[in-house]
Amino acid sequence: MAVKKSVGLAALLIGFMVITGGCGKPKKETPVTGGIILGFSQIGAESAWRRCNSQSIQEAAAAAGIQLLFSNAEQKQENQIKAIRSFIAYQVDVIAFVPIVADGWDNVLQEAKDAGIPVLVTDRKIDIEDENLYAGFIGTDSVSEGRSAAEFLVKKFEDRLTSQDKPIRIVELSGTTGSSPARGRAQGFREIIDQYPQFQIIYSESGDFLRSKGYELMRSVLKELQDIDVIFSHNDGMTLGVLDAIKEKNINPGTDIVIVTIDAEQAAIDALIRGEVNCVIECNPKTGPAIMQLAQKLAGGDTIDRFIHVEEAVFSEGDDLSSIPPRGY
């Protein structure tokens, strides 16, 4: 691969940043002098979680001495496909990306394979006909996260599950339609609650993982539905919007309505400590160091494990929350 980087770097950097250190600080456009080049397509900066994820990747690349071409897709798959094709044209050593949705990657990943460039999928999984088009995945286990949310509810409502009490009515705010976290969290959640007929999902709608949409959906729900027992939100961003809407109606979150959320942003942990949220499932964004290690292996021609899931915790009411270190996001 010694000759592939002879093309001037500046000519191929329109639409993405060259980063060698610090969060969001683009380096001046200078020729590459050697070392591994990683092209990374991020879906956007829609939440504190996502911004921390990007920062972790940028800082880890700098620490590893990896030249990082970083592209923000602004929540559009077509922008990600364009960025990946730019990485292929530049002939980077490795491509990594967070797929905004699970489907629609076959053609561009075939192009990467034809160019001899290994691809690492991170954070969100993809559905693809030929799994050999990408080298492996590293990220969270969304199905397990959904199960953890439901398992908390089983414990929380243990008395009602063993009685003939009225149904336990659940409102679900799901993530971006077609994304693997939304699919996995919904799947894992239902694997558990479907075992108990007392649980009833009375409303399920996508809030695109956005605080603003969580707020809008919750305002609409509170106008239309009564006797809500549980809100299961697929991420903290939407949950914070939910809390805003609930408080406007003088409803006590965490007491009048049980709230379970995923991500473990600092704001959600603070709400848990205040008693406004009942359970927070961690979705670890700090995957940068592991991604760089995998990129180095792939650039050296090594194979990696097919699926690597990062460690995550569950924080709930009744836990000793004083020992939780600052989240950093």
C-alpha atoms as a PDB file:
ATOM      1  CA  MET A   1       0.000   0.000   0.000  1.00  0.00           C
ATOM      2  CA  ALA A   2       2.991   2.294  -0.208  1.00  0.00           C
ATOM      3  CA  VAL A   3       1.845   4.116  -3.344  1.00  0.00           C
ATOM      4  CA  LYS A   4      -1.823   4.551  -2.626  1.00  0.00           C
ATOM      5  CA  LYS A   5      -1.523   7.766  -0.614  1.00  0.00           C
ATOM      6  CA  SER A   6       0.301   9.722  -3.292  1.00  0.00           C
ATOM      7  CA  VAL A   7      -2.879  11.638  -4.178  1.00  0.00           C
ATOM      8  CA  GLY A   8      -2.880  15.062  -2.507  1.00  0.00           C
ATOM      9  CA  LEU A   9      -4.826  14.922   0.727  1.00  0.00           C
ATOM     10  CA  ALA A  10      -6.338  18.387   0.435  1.00  0.00           C
ATOM     11  CA  ALA A  11      -8.049  17.550  -2.850  1.00  0.00           C
ATOM     12  CA  LEU A  12      -9.999  14.719  -1.260  1.00  0.00           C
ATOM     13  CA  LEU A  13     -11.039  16.247   2.043  1.00  0.00           C
ATOM     14  CA  ILE A  14     -14.135  18.198   1.007  1.00  0.00           C
ATOM     15  CA  GLY A  15     -16.921  17.115   3.363  1.00  0.00           C
ATOM     16  CA  PHE A  16     -14.815  15.634   6.140  1.00  0.00           C
ATOM     17  CA  MET A  17     -12.146  16.681   8.659  1.00  0.00           C
ATOM     18  CA  VAL A  18      -8.591  15.458   9.126  1.00  0.00           C
ATOM     19  CA  ILE A  19      -8.117  14.989  12.851  1.00  0.00           C
ATOM     20  CA  THR A  20      -5.067  14.012  14.829  1.00  0.00           C
ATOM     21  CA  GLY A  21      -6.098  15.223  18.252  1.00  0.00           C
ATOM     22  CA  GLY A  22      -8.763  16.855  20.397  1.00  0.00           C
ATOM     23  CA  CYS A  23     -12.530  16.713  19.988  1.00  0.00           C
ATOM     24  CA  GLY A  24     -13.692  18.446  16.843  1.00  0.00           C
ATOM     25  CA  LYS A  25     -10.409  20.267  16.158  1.00  0.00           C
ATOM     26  CA  PRO A  26      -9.526  19.822  12.488  1.00  0.00           C
ATOM     27  CA  LYS A  27      -5.866  19.744  11.630  1.00  0.00           C
ATOM     28  CA  LYS A  28      -4.566  22.017   8.889  1.00  0.00           C
ATOM     29  CA  GLU A  29      -4.676  20.267   5.547  1.00  0.00           C
ATOM     30  CA  THR A  30      -1.211  18.809   5.132  1.00  0.00           C
ATOM     31  CA  PRO A  31       0.107  15.842   3.168  1.00  0.00           C
ATOM     32  CA  VAL A  32       0.116  12.460   4.885  1.00  0.00           C
ATOM     33  CA  THR A  33       3.622  11.344   5.738  1.00  0.00           C
ATOM     34  CA  GLY A  34       2.873   7.729   6.664  1.00  0.00           C
ATOM     35  CA  GLY A  35       1.071   5.539   9.174  1.00  0.00           C
ATOM     36  CA  ILE A  36      -2.441   4.148   9.197  1.00  0.00           C
ATOM     37  CA  ILE A  37      -5.278   6.192   7.743  1.00  0.00           C
ATOM     38  CA  LEU A  38      -8.770   5.505   9.069  1.00  0.00           C
ATOM     39  CA  GLY A  39     -11.857   6.885   7.368  1.00  0.00           C
ATOM     40  CA  PHE A  40     -14.687   7.245   9.868  1.00  0.00           C
ATOM     41  CA  SER A  41     -18.313   8.150   9.090  1.00  0.00           C
ATOM     42  CA  GLN A  42     -20.327   9.303  12.108  1.00  0.00           C
ATOM     43  CA  ILE A  43     -24.093   9.684  11.882  1.00  0.00           C
ATOM     44  CA  GLY A  44     -24.227  13.131  13.484  1.00  0.00           C
ATOM     45  CA  ALA A  45     -24.087  15.008  16.778  1.00  0.00           C
ATOM     46  CA  GLU A  46     -27.665  14.604  17.949  1.00  0.00           C
ATOM     47  CA  SER A  47     -26.966  14.008  21.640  1.00  0.00           C
ATOM     48  CA  ALA A  48     -24.401  14.227  24.420  1.00  0.00           C
ATOM     49  CA  TRP A  49     -23.902  10.476  23.950  1.00  0.00           C
ATOM     50  CA  ARG A  50     -23.053  10.878  20.277  1.00  0.00           C
ATOM     51  CA  ARG A  51     -20.714  13.797  20.898  1.00  0.00           C
ATOM     52  CA  CYS A  52     -18.878  11.753  23.531  1.00  0.00           C
ATOM     53  CA  ASN A  53     -18.634   8.844  21.098  1.00  0.00           C
ATOM     54  CA  SER A  54     -17.054  11.104  18.477  1.00  0.00           C
ATOM     55  CA  GLN A  55     -14.677  12.601  21.015  1.00  0.00           C
ATOM     56  CA  SER A  56     -13.593   9.147  22.157  1.00  0.00           C
ATOM     57  CA  ILE A  57     -12.804   8.167  18.564  1.00  0.00           C
ATOM     58  CA  GLN A  58     -10.919  11.376  17.828  1.00  0.00           C
ATOM     59  CA  GLU A  59      -8.846  11.279  21.001  1.00  0.00           C
ATOM     60  CA  ALA A  60      -8.042   7.584  20.604  1.00  0.00           C
ATOM     61  CA  ALA A  61      -6.884   8.124  17.017  1.00  0.00           C
ATOM     62  CA  ALA A  62      -4.540  10.889  18.148  1.00  0.00           C
ATOM     63  CA  ALA A  63      -3.168   8.741  20.962  1.00  0.00           C
ATOM     64  CA  ALA A  64      -2.568   5.821  18.577  1.00  0.00           C
ATOM     65  CA  GLY A  65      -0.930   7.978  15.908  1.00  0.00           C
ATOM     66  CA  ILE A  66      -3.662   7.129  13.414  1.00  0.00           C
ATOM     67  CA  GLN A  67      -4.599   9.687  10.777  1.00  0.00           C
ATOM     68  CA  LEU A  68      -8.368  10.107  11.041  1.00  0.00           C
ATOM     69  CA  LEU A  69     -10.615  11.298   8.237  1.00  0.00           C
ATOM     70  CA  PHE A  70     -13.811  12.103  10.122  1.00  0.00           C
ATOM     71  CA  SER A  71     -17.149  12.737   8.403  1.00  0.00           C
ATOM     72  CA  ASN A  72     -20.414  13.894  10.021  1.00  0.00           C
ATOM     73  CA  ALA A  73     -23.372  12.534   8.024  1.00  0.00           C
ATOM     74  CA  GLU A  74     -25.914  14.858   9.660  1.00  0.00           C
ATOM     75  CA  GLN A  75     -28.399  11.981  10.078  1.00  0.00           C
ATOM     76  CA  LYS A  76     -28.516  11.131   6.358  1.00  0.00           C
ATOM     77  CA  GLN A  77     -27.577   7.743   4.944  1.00  0.00           C
ATOM     78  CA  GLU A  78     -26.791   9.236   1.554  1.00  0.00           C
ATOM     79  CA  ASN A  79     -24.130  11.399   3.200  1.00  0.00           C
ATOM     80  CA  GLN A  80     -22.577   8.316   4.774  1.00  0.00           C
ATOM     81  CA  ILE A  81     -22.469   6.467   1.483  1.00  0.00           C
ATOM     82  CA  LYS A  82     -20.865   9.512  -0.151  1.00  0.00           C
ATOM     83  CA  ALA A  83     -18.256   9.683   2.621  1.00  0.00           C
ATOM     84  CA  ILE A  84     -17.436   5.984   2.347  1.00  0.00           C
ATOM     85  CA  ARG A  85     -16.945   6.366  -1.388  1.00  0.00           C
ATOM     86  CA  SER A  86     -14.626   9.315  -0.696  1.00  0.00           C
ATOM     87  CA  PHE A  87     -12.610   7.102   1.650  1.00  0.00           C
ATOM     88  CA  ILE A  88     -12.411   4.446  -1.048  1.00  0.00           C
ATOM     89  CA  ALA A  89     -11.240   7.008  -3.606  1.00  0.00           C
ATOM     90  CA  TYR A  90      -8.511   8.111  -1.221  1.00  0.00           C
ATOM     91  CA  GLN A  91      -7.637   4.454  -0.556  1.00  0.00           C
ATOM     92  CA  VAL A  92      -7.542   4.665   3.219  1.00  0.00           C
ATOM     93  CA  ASP A  93      -6.243   1.655   5.140  1.00  0.00           C
ATOM     94  CA  VAL A  94      -9.469   0.987   7.032  1.00  0.00           C
ATOM     95  CA  ILE A  95     -13.037   2.303   6.932  1.00  0.00           C
ATOM     96  CA  ALA A  96     -15.230   2.419  10.042  1.00  0.00           C
ATOM     97  CA  PHE A  97     -18.741   3.783  10.297  1.00  0.00           C
ATOM     98  CA  VAL A  98     -21.822   4.059  12.500  1.00  0.00           C
ATOM     99  CA  PRO A  99     -24.726   3.055  10.217  1.00  0.00           C
ATOM    100  CA  ILE A 100     -27.710   5.324  10.710  1.00  0.00           C
ATOM    101  CA  VAL A 101     -30.003   2.481   9.569  1.00  0.00           C
ATOM    102  CA  ALA A 102     -29.441  -1.241   9.215  1.00  0.00           C
ATOM    103  CA  ASP A 103     -30.251  -1.687   5.523  1.00  0.00           C
ATOM    104  CA  GLY A 104     -28.902  -0.352   2.240  1.00  0.00           C
ATOM    105  CA  TRP A 105     -25.150  -0.903   2.547  1.00  0.00           C
ATOM    106  CA  ASP A 106     -24.543  -3.803   0.148  1.00  0.00           C
ATOM    107  CA  ASN A 107     -23.365  -1.818  -2.874  1.00  0.00           C
ATOM    108  CA  VAL A 108     -20.976   0.579  -1.165  1.00  0.00           C
ATOM    109  CA  LEU A 109     -19.445  -2.161   0.982  1.00  0.00           C
ATOM    110  CA  GLN A 110     -18.921  -4.271  -2.132  1.00  0.00           C
ATOM    111  CA  GLU A 111     -17.033  -1.302  -3.558  1.00  0.00           C
ATOM    112  CA  ALA A 112     -14.834  -1.192  -0.452  1.00  0.00           C
ATOM    113  CA  LYS A 113     -14.159  -4.919  -0.666  1.00  0.00           C
ATOM    114  CA  ASP A 114     -13.281  -4.637  -4.359  1.00  0.00           C
ATOM    115  CA  ALA A 115     -10.799  -1.913  -3.399  1.00  0.00           C
ATOM    116  CA  GLY A 116      -9.246  -4.182  -0.773  1.00  0.00           C
ATOM    117  CA  ILE A 117     -10.223  -1.938   2.158  1.00  0.00           C
ATOM    118  CA  PRO A 118     -11.509  -3.658   5.330  1.00  0.00           C
ATOM    119  CA  VAL A 119     -14.615  -2.176   6.926  1.00  0.00           C
ATOM    120  CA  LEU A 120     -15.432  -2.059  10.634  1.00  0.00           C
ATOM    121  CA  VAL A 121     -19.036  -1.457  11.700  1.00  0.00           C
ATOM    122  CA  THR A 122     -19.480   0.200  15.089  1.00  0.00           C
ATOM    123  CA  ASP A 123     -22.286   1.151  17.499  1.00  0.00           C
ATOM    124  CA  ARG A 124     -25.160   0.101  15.223  1.00  0.00           C
ATOM    125  CA  LYS A 125     -25.398  -3.200  13.368  1.00  0.00           C
ATOM    126  CA  ILE A 126     -26.299  -3.727   9.722  1.00  0.00           C
ATOM    127  CA  ASP A 127     -28.401  -6.223   7.787  1.00  0.00           C
ATOM    128  CA  ILE A 128     -26.543  -7.292   4.681  1.00  0.00           C
ATOM    129  CA  GLU A 129     -26.801 -10.239   2.295  1.00  0.00           C
ATOM    130  CA  ASP A 130     -23.080 -11.047   2.328  1.00  0.00           C
ATOM    131  CA  GLU A 131     -21.614 -10.599   5.802  1.00  0.00           C
ATOM    132  CA  ASN A 132     -18.122 -10.998   4.362  1.00  0.00           C
ATOM    133  CA  LEU A 133     -18.418  -7.441   3.048  1.00  0.00           C
ATOM    134  CA  TYR A 134     -17.374  -6.150   6.469  1.00  0.00           C
ATOM    135  CA  ALA A 135     -14.703  -7.396   8.852  1.00  0.00           C
ATOM    136  CA  GLY A 136     -16.565  -7.160  12.146  1.00  0.00           C
ATOM    137  CA  PHE A 137     -18.674  -5.146  14.566  1.00  0.00           C
ATOM    138  CA  ILE A 138     -17.890  -3.468  17.875  1.00  0.00           C
ATOM    139  CA  GLY A 139     -20.478  -1.759  20.025  1.00  0.00           C
ATOM    140  CA  THR A 140     -23.281  -2.244  22.449  1.00  0.00           C
ATOM    141  CA  ASP A 141     -25.728  -5.139  22.675  1.00  0.00           C
ATOM    142  CA  SER A 142     -29.074  -3.487  22.018  1.00  0.00           C
ATOM    143  CA  VAL A 143     -31.091  -6.646  22.581  1.00  0.00           C
ATOM    144  CA  SER A 144     -29.499  -7.086  26.009  1.00  0.00           C
ATOM    145  CA  GLU A 145     -30.257  -3.439  26.818  1.00  0.00           C
ATOM    146  CA  GLY A 146     -33.928  -4.000  26.021  1.00  0.00           C
ATOM    147  CA  ARG A 147     -33.982  -7.109  28.187  1.00  0.00           C
ATOM    148  CA  SER A 148     -32.439  -5.203  31.087  1.00  0.00           C
ATOM    149  CA  ALA A 149     -35.171  -2.570  30.853  1.00  0.00           C
ATOM    150  CA  ALA A 150     -37.894  -5.224  30.966  1.00  0.00           C
ATOM    151  CA  GLU A 151     -36.211  -7.166  33.773  1.00  0.00           C
ATOM    152  CA  PHE A 152     -36.269  -4.038  35.915  1.00  0.00           C
ATOM    153  CA  LEU A 153     -40.011  -3.700  35.309  1.00  0.00           C
ATOM    154  CA  VAL A 154     -40.615  -7.325  36.260  1.00  0.00           C
ATOM    155  CA  LYS A 155     -38.968  -6.648  39.632  1.00  0.00           C
ATOM    156  CA  LYS A 156     -40.631  -3.253  40.018  1.00  0.00           C
ATOM    157  CA  PHE A 157     -44.141  -4.635  39.441  1.00  0.00           C
ATOM    158  CA  GLU A 158     -43.613  -8.025  41.043  1.00  0.00           C
ATOM    159  CA  ASP A 159     -46.679  -7.705  43.288  1.00  0.00           C
ATOM    160  CA  ARG A 160     -48.984  -6.739  40.437  1.00  0.00           C
ATOM    161  CA  LEU A 161     -47.694  -9.559  38.252  1.00  0.00           C
ATOM    162  CA  THR A 162     -48.761 -12.133  40.827  1.00  0.00           C
ATOM    163  CA  SER A 163     -52.237 -10.652  41.340  1.00  0.00           C
ATOM    164  CA  GLN A 164     -55.300 -10.050  39.211  1.00  0.00           C
ATOM    165  CA  ASP A 165     -54.663  -6.313  39.204  1.00  0.00           C
ATOM    166  CA  LYS A 166     -55.405  -4.113  36.219  1.00  0.00           C
ATOM    167  CA  PRO A 167     -52.966  -4.136  33.275  1.00  0.00           C
ATOM    168  CA  ILE A 168     -49.617  -2.376  33.495  1.00  0.00           C
ATOM    169  CA  ARG A 169     -49.822   0.147  30.665  1.00  0.00           C
ATOM    170  CA  ILE A 170     -46.558   0.957  28.869  1.00  0.00           C
ATOM    171  CA  VAL A 171     -45.699   3.819  26.536  1.00  0.00           C
ATOM    172  CA  GLU A 172     -42.632   3.133  24.386  1.00  0.00           C
ATOM    173  CA  LEU A 173     -40.611   5.844  22.641  1.00  0.00           C
ATOM    174  CA  SER A 174     -38.406   4.040  20.158  1.00  0.00           C
ATOM    175  CA  GLY A 175     -35.311   5.192  18.341  1.00  0.00           C
ATOM    176  CA  THR A 176     -34.788   5.911  14.653  1.00  0.00           C
ATOM    177  CA  THR A 177     -36.932   3.634  12.513  1.00  0.00           C
ATOM    178  CA  GLY A 178     -34.790   0.985  10.839  1.00  0.00           C
ATOM    179  CA  SER A 179     -31.786   1.467  13.140  1.00  0.00           C
ATOM    180  CA  SER A 180     -30.360  -1.570  14.901  1.00  0.00           C
ATOM    181  CA  PRO A 181     -30.608  -0.029  18.408  1.00  0.00           C
ATOM    182  CA  ALA A 182     -34.326   0.625  17.931  1.00  0.00           C
ATOM    183  CA  ARG A 183     -34.878  -2.870  16.598  1.00  0.00           C
ATOM    184  CA  GLY A 184     -32.730  -4.578  19.212  1.00  0.00           C
ATOM    185  CA  ARG A 185     -34.070  -2.670  22.222  1.00  0.00           C
ATOM    186  CA  ALA A 186     -37.649  -3.319  21.151  1.00  0.00           C
ATOM    187  CA  GLN A 187     -36.896  -6.999  20.555  1.00  0.00           C
ATOM    188  CA  GLY A 188     -35.146  -7.570  23.885  1.00  0.00           C
ATOM    189  CA  PHE A 189     -37.814  -5.652  25.781  1.00  0.00           C
ATOM    190  CA  ARG A 190     -40.619  -7.722  24.292  1.00  0.00           C
ATOM    191  CA  GLU A 191     -38.807 -11.026  24.840  1.00  0.00           C
ATOM    192  CA  ILE A 192     -39.300 -10.456  28.574  1.00  0.00           C
ATOM    193  CA  ILE A 193     -42.570  -8.560  28.929  1.00  0.00           C
ATOM    194  CA  ASP A 194     -44.418 -10.874  26.528  1.00  0.00           C
ATOM    195  CA  GLN A 195     -44.074 -13.542  29.212  1.00  0.00           C
ATOM    196  CA  TYR A 196     -46.409 -11.519  31.445  1.00  0.00           C
ATOM    197  CA  PRO A 197     -49.899 -10.749  30.088  1.00  0.00           C
ATOM    198  CA  GLN A 198     -50.300  -7.941  32.622  1.00  0.00           C
ATOM    199  CA  PHE A 199     -47.843  -5.817  30.641  1.00  0.00           C
ATOM    200  CA  GLN A 200     -49.477  -3.992  27.752  1.00  0.00           C
ATOM    201  CA  ILE A 201     -47.703  -1.652  25.323  1.00  0.00           C
ATOM    202  CA  ILE A 202     -50.460   0.859  24.617  1.00  0.00           C
ATOM    203  CA  TYR A 203     -48.367   3.214  22.481  1.00  0.00           C
ATOM    204  CA  SER A 204     -45.113   2.868  20.541  1.00  0.00           C
ATOM    205  CA  GLU A 205     -43.707   5.582  18.284  1.00  0.00           C
ATOM    206  CA  SER A 206     -40.292   6.631  16.987  1.00  0.00           C
ATOM    207  CA  GLY A 207     -38.767   9.775  18.437  1.00  0.00           C
ATOM    208  CA  ASP A 208     -35.586   9.478  16.329  1.00  0.00           C
ATOM    209  CA  PHE A 209     -33.461   9.537  19.517  1.00  0.00           C
ATOM    210  CA  LEU A 210     -34.091  13.313  19.731  1.00  0.00           C
ATOM    211  CA  ARG A 211     -35.021  15.293  22.834  1.00  0.00           C
ATOM    212  CA  SER A 212     -37.307  17.589  20.846  1.00  0.00           C
ATOM    213  CA  LYS A 213     -39.293  14.663  19.437  1.00  0.00           C
ATOM    214  CA  GLY A 214     -39.470  12.992  22.833  1.00  0.00           C
ATOM    215  CA  TYR A 215     -41.052  16.162  24.165  1.00  0.00           C
ATOM    216  CA  GLU A 216     -43.499  16.468  21.265  1.00  0.00           C
ATOM    217  CA  LEU A 217     -44.563  12.822  21.411  1.00  0.00           C
ATOM    218  CA  MET A 218     -45.055  12.900  25.172  1.00  0.00           C
ATOM    219  CA  ARG A 219     -47.211  16.017  24.987  1.00  0.00           C
ATOM    220  CA  SER A 220     -49.404  14.257  22.429  1.00  0.00           C
ATOM    221  CA  VAL A 221     -49.550  11.061  24.482  1.00  0.00           C
ATOM    222  CA  LEU A 222     -50.655  12.894  27.623  1.00  0.00           C
ATOM    223  CA  LYS A 223     -53.540  14.457  25.702  1.00  0.00           C
ATOM    224  CA  GLU A 224     -54.735  11.138  24.308  1.00  0.00           C
ATOM    225  CA  LEU A 225     -53.995   8.488  26.927  1.00  0.00           C
ATOM    226  CA  GLN A 226     -54.799   8.025  30.586  1.00  0.00           C
ATOM    227  CA  ASP A 227     -53.478   5.690  33.288  1.00  0.00           C
ATOM    228  CA  ILE A 228     -49.930   5.396  31.990  1.00  0.00           C
ATOM    229  CA  ASP A 229     -47.873   3.201  34.326  1.00  0.00           C
ATOM    230  CA  VAL A 230     -44.539   3.046  32.501  1.00  0.00           C
ATOM    231  CA  ILE A 231     -42.534   4.985  29.940  1.00  0.00           C
ATOM    232  CA  PHE A 232     -39.801   2.993  28.236  1.00  0.00           C
ATOM    233  CA  SER A 233     -37.571   5.341  26.263  1.00  0.00           C
ATOM    234  CA  HIS A 234     -34.884   4.035  23.915  1.00  0.00           C
ATOM    235  CA  ASN A 235     -32.475   6.824  24.828  1.00  0.00           C
ATOM    236  CA  ASP A 236     -31.828   9.560  27.366  1.00  0.00           C
ATOM    237  CA  GLY A 237     -32.266  12.371  24.861  1.00  0.00           C
ATOM    238  CA  MET A 238     -35.909  11.469  24.320  1.00  0.00           C
ATOM    239  CA  THR A 239     -36.302  10.836  28.042  1.00  0.00           C
ATOM    240  CA  LEU A 240     -35.226  14.374  28.904  1.00  0.00           C
ATOM    241  CA  GLY A 241     -37.900  15.660  26.536  1.00  0.00           C
ATOM    242  CA  VAL A 242     -40.400  13.331  28.201  1.00  0.00           C
ATOM    243  CA  LEU A 243     -39.533  14.753  31.613  1.00  0.00           C
ATOM    244  CA  ASP A 244     -40.108  18.291  30.335  1.00  0.00           C
ATOM    245  CA  ALA A 245     -43.557  17.358  29.023  1.00  0.00           C
ATOM    246  CA  ILE A 246     -44.574  15.447  32.142  1.00  0.00           C
ATOM    247  CA  LYS A 247     -43.604  18.259  34.483  1.00  0.00           C
ATOM    248  CA  GLU A 248     -45.705  20.693  32.465  1.00  0.00           C
ATOM    249  CA  LYS A 249     -48.741  18.587  33.410  1.00  0.00           C
ATOM    250  CA  ASN A 250     -47.784  18.554  37.117  1.00  0.00           C
ATOM    251  CA  ILE A 251     -47.204  14.806  36.972  1.00  0.00           C
ATOM    252  CA  ASN A 252     -44.427  13.471  39.185  1.00  0.00           C
ATOM    253  CA  PRO A 253     -41.994  11.496  36.988  1.00  0.00           C
ATOM    254  CA  GLY A 254     -40.549   8.446  38.700  1.00  0.00           C
ATOM    255  CA  THR A 255     -43.476   8.337  41.137  1.00  0.00           C
ATOM    256  CA  ASP A 256     -46.716   8.757  39.191  1.00  0.00           C
ATOM    257  CA  ILE A 257     -45.125   7.150  36.115  1.00  0.00           C
ATOM    258  CA  VAL A 258     -42.207   4.705  36.177  1.00  0.00           C
ATOM    259  CA  ILE A 259     -39.510   5.737  33.691  1.00  0.00           C
ATOM    260  CA  VAL A 260     -36.845   3.466  32.213  1.00  0.00           C
ATOM    261  CA  THR A 261     -34.231   4.870  29.837  1.00  0.00           C
ATOM    262  CA  ILE A 262     -31.090   3.818  27.979  1.00  0.00           C
ATOM    263  CA  ASP A 263     -27.685   5.503  27.520  1.00  0.00           C
ATOM    264  CA  ALA A 264     -26.664   6.700  31.034  1.00  0.00           C
ATOM    265  CA  GLU A 265     -25.855  10.281  30.121  1.00  0.00           C
ATOM    266  CA  GLN A 266     -25.011  12.445  33.125  1.00  0.00           C
ATOM    267  CA  ALA A 267     -28.380  14.199  32.874  1.00  0.00           C
ATOM    268  CA  ALA A 268     -30.199  10.851  33.151  1.00  0.00           C
ATOM    269  CA  ILE A 269     -28.093   9.747  36.115  1.00  0.00           C
ATOM    270  CA  ASP A 270     -28.860  13.091  37.799  1.00  0.00           C
ATOM    271  CA  ALA A 271     -32.575  12.505  37.161  1.00  0.00           C
ATOM    272  CA  LEU A 272     -32.245   9.017  38.657  1.00  0.00           C
ATOM    273  CA  ILE A 273     -30.636  10.488  41.764  1.00  0.00           C
ATOM    274  CA  ARG A 274     -33.503  13.001  42.037  1.00  0.00           C
ATOM    275  CA  GLY A 275     -36.029  10.171  41.773  1.00  0.00           C
ATOM    276  CA  GLU A 276     -37.442  11.365  38.449  1.00  0.00           C
ATOM    277  CA  VAL A 277     -36.179   8.281  36.590  1.00  0.00           C
ATOM    278  CA  ASN A 278     -36.363   4.750  37.995  1.00  0.00           C
ATOM    279  CA  CYS A 279     -33.826   2.839  35.914  1.00  0.00           C
ATOM    280  CA  VAL A 280     -30.994   3.795  33.553  1.00  0.00           C
ATOM    281  CA  ILE A 281     -29.311   1.192  31.333  1.00  0.00           C
ATOM    282  CA  GLU A 282     -25.823   2.109  30.226  1.00  0.00           C
ATOM    283  CA  CYS A 283     -24.908   2.282  26.552  1.00  0.00           C
ATOM    284  CA  ASN A 284     -21.162   2.867  26.580  1.00  0.00           C
ATOM    285  CA  PRO A 285     -20.020   5.485  24.025  1.00  0.00           C
ATOM    286  CA  LYS A 286     -16.302   5.338  24.833  1.00  0.00           C
ATOM    287  CA  THR A 287     -15.314   2.836  22.176  1.00  0.00           C
ATOM    288  CA  GLY A 288     -12.504   4.854  20.581  1.00  0.00           C
ATOM    289  CA  PRO A 289      -9.503   2.942  22.009  1.00  0.00           C
ATOM    290  CA  ALA A 290     -10.967  -0.437  21.042  1.00  0.00           C
ATOM    291  CA  ILE A 291     -11.794   0.818  17.543  1.00  0.00           C
ATOM    292  CA  MET A 292      -8.208   1.955  17.040  1.00  0.00           C
ATOM    293  CA  GLN A 293      -6.852  -1.406  18.181  1.00  0.00           C
ATOM    294  CA  LEU A 294      -9.121  -3.178  15.717  1.00  0.00           C
ATOM    295  CA  ALA A 295      -8.182  -0.748  12.935  1.00  0.00           C
ATOM    296  CA  GLN A 296      -4.506  -1.495  13.516  1.00  0.00           C
ATOM    297  CA  LYS A 297      -5.167  -5.229  13.284  1.00  0.00           C
ATOM    298  CA  LEU A 298      -7.187  -4.863  10.086  1.00  0.00           C
ATOM    299  CA  ALA A 299      -4.567  -2.593   8.506  1.00  0.00           C
ATOM    300  CA  GLY A 300      -1.987  -5.280   9.267  1.00  0.00           C
ATOM    301  CA  GLY A 301      -4.046  -7.929   7.500  1.00  0.00           C
ATOM    302  CA  ASP A 302      -5.299  -9.681  10.639  1.00  0.00           C
ATOM    303  CA  THR A 303      -8.828 -10.938  11.203  1.00  0.00           C
ATOM    304  CA  ILE A 304     -10.961  -9.830  14.150  1.00  0.00           C
ATOM    305  CA  ASP A 305     -13.861 -11.340  16.077  1.00  0.00           C
ATOM    306  CA  ARG A 306     -17.154 -11.067  14.243  1.00  0.00           C
ATOM    307  CA  PHE A 307     -19.037  -9.358  17.067  1.00  0.00           C
ATOM    308  CA  ILE A 308     -17.514  -7.537  20.021  1.00  0.00           C
ATOM    309  CA  HIS A 309     -19.866  -6.122  22.645  1.00  0.00           C
ATOM    310  CA  VAL A 310     -18.618  -3.557  25.149  1.00  0.00           C
ATOM    311  CA  GLU A 311     -19.313  -3.881  28.872  1.00  0.00           C
ATOM    312  CA  GLU A 312     -22.302  -1.988  30.247  1.00  0.00           C
ATOM    313  CA  ALA A 313     -24.016  -1.474  33.601  1.00  0.00           C
ATOM    314  CA  VAL A 314     -27.558  -1.005  34.892  1.00  0.00           C
ATOM    315  CA  PHE A 315     -28.330   1.746  37.432  1.00  0.00           C
ATOM    316  CA  SER A 316     -31.645   1.729  39.248  1.00  0.00           C
ATOM    317  CA  GLU A 317     -33.479   3.183  42.204  1.00  0.00           C
ATOM    318  CA  GLY A 318     -32.271   1.681  45.448  1.00  0.00           C
ATOM    319  CA  ASP A 319     -28.684   1.366  44.229  1.00  0.00           C
ATOM    320  CA  ASP A 320     -25.833   3.236  45.892  1.00  0.00           C
ATOM    321  CA  LEU A 321     -25.651   5.960  43.280  1.00  0.00           C
ATOM    322  CA  SER A 322     -23.018   7.979  45.124  1.00  0.00           C
ATOM    323  CA  SER A 323     -20.271   5.781  43.720  1.00  0.00           C
ATOM    324  CA  ILE A 324     -21.067   6.487  40.054  1.00  0.00           C
ATOM    325  CA  PRO A 325     -18.168   8.527  38.610  1.00  0.00           C
ATOM    326  CA  PRO A 326     -18.907  11.531  36.366  1.00  0.00           C
ATOM    327  CA  ARG A 327     -20.134  10.218  33.039  1.00  0.00           C
ATOM    328  CA  GLY A 328     -18.327  12.677  30.792  1.00  0.00           C
ATOM    329  CA  TYR A 329     -21.340  12.956  28.494  1.00  0.00           C
END
